[in-house]
Protein backbone atom coordinates (compact mmCIF):
# COMPACT_ATOMS: atom_id res chain seq x y z
CA MET A 1 44.47 98.33 100.02
CA SER A 2 45.21 100.04 96.71
CA PHE A 3 48.28 99.06 94.49
CA ASN A 4 51.45 101.90 95.38
CA PRO A 5 53.98 102.35 92.23
CA TYR A 6 56.27 103.68 94.57
CA LEU A 7 56.40 101.40 97.32
CA TYR A 8 56.42 98.73 94.73
CA GLU A 9 59.50 99.83 92.87
CA LYS A 10 61.35 100.58 96.26
CA SER A 11 60.73 96.94 97.37
CA ILE A 12 61.92 95.73 93.76
CA GLU A 13 65.52 98.18 94.39
CA GLU A 14 65.88 96.76 98.04
CA ARG A 15 65.69 93.12 96.94
CA HIS A 16 68.10 93.91 94.15
CA SER A 17 70.38 95.55 96.38
CA GLN A 18 69.95 92.27 98.51
CA ILE A 19 70.80 90.01 95.75
CA ARG A 20 74.01 91.95 94.56
CA HIS A 21 75.18 92.23 98.35
CA ASP A 22 74.68 88.37 98.64
CA PHE A 23 76.35 87.36 95.03
CA GLU A 24 79.29 89.52 96.33
CA GLN A 25 79.71 87.94 99.43
CA ILE A 26 79.85 84.62 97.90
CA ARG A 27 82.34 86.30 95.21
CA LEU A 28 84.56 87.19 98.67
CA GLN A 29 84.26 83.90 100.11
CA ALA A 30 85.06 81.92 96.91
CA ASN A 31 88.39 84.30 96.31
CA ALA A 32 89.40 84.82 100.11
CA GLY A 33 92.43 82.52 99.34
CA GLN A 34 93.36 83.96 95.95
CA LYS A 35 95.60 86.33 95.47
CA SER A 36 94.75 89.20 93.22
CA PRO A 37 95.41 89.33 89.46
CA PHE A 38 97.90 92.20 90.05
CA VAL A 39 99.56 90.75 92.90
CA ARG A 40 100.03 87.14 90.85
CA SER A 41 101.31 89.38 88.04
CA VAL A 42 104.00 91.01 90.15
CA VAL A 43 104.92 88.01 91.68
CA GLY A 44 105.32 86.12 88.77
CA LYS A 45 107.23 88.88 86.77
CA PHE A 46 109.78 89.08 90.17
CA GLY A 47 110.12 85.23 90.11
CA THR A 48 110.97 85.07 86.54
CA LEU A 49 113.38 88.13 87.08
CA LEU A 50 114.95 85.68 89.96
CA VAL A 51 115.27 82.98 87.86
CA GLY A 52 116.99 85.06 84.93
CA LEU A 53 119.50 86.51 87.08
CA GLY A 54 120.09 82.89 88.84
CA SER A 55 120.95 81.47 85.57
CA GLN A 56 123.13 84.74 84.81
CA LEU A 57 125.05 84.13 87.89
CA GLU A 58 125.65 80.31 87.37
CA GLY A 59 126.88 80.91 84.11
CA VAL A 60 129.30 83.38 85.32
CA GLY A 61 130.05 81.31 88.12
CA GLU A 62 130.77 77.76 85.39
CA ARG A 63 133.19 80.12 83.47
CA GLY A 64 134.80 81.49 86.76
CA GLU A 65 135.49 78.01 87.75
CA ALA A 66 136.81 76.82 84.05
CA VAL A 67 139.64 79.32 84.81
CA VAL A 68 140.25 79.08 88.19
CA GLN A 69 140.19 75.42 88.11
CA PRO A 70 142.93 74.48 85.50
CA SER A 71 145.23 77.07 87.58
CA VAL A 72 144.54 74.90 91.21
CA SER A 73 144.86 71.71 89.43
CA VAL A 74 148.29 72.71 88.05
CA GLN A 75 149.22 73.98 91.72
CA ARG A 76 148.08 70.84 92.90
CA THR A 77 150.38 68.48 90.65
CA ARG A 78 153.49 70.51 91.56
């Protein structure tokens, strides 16, 4: 039996391809429950936006209550 360099190279390429496939499968299984970095980034920015809007609305509500409450308390005392 003689050594065939072409077949040897093909078998090495096939083995490397199989190893890459195995590692990709392991990586996919490990990251199955995780969202992509892009999705995490978008969700994080959206959450920050909602917190900021909530804080602003809360501030507006507190200012509105401060103006409304004295007139309501005055009406109750009369």
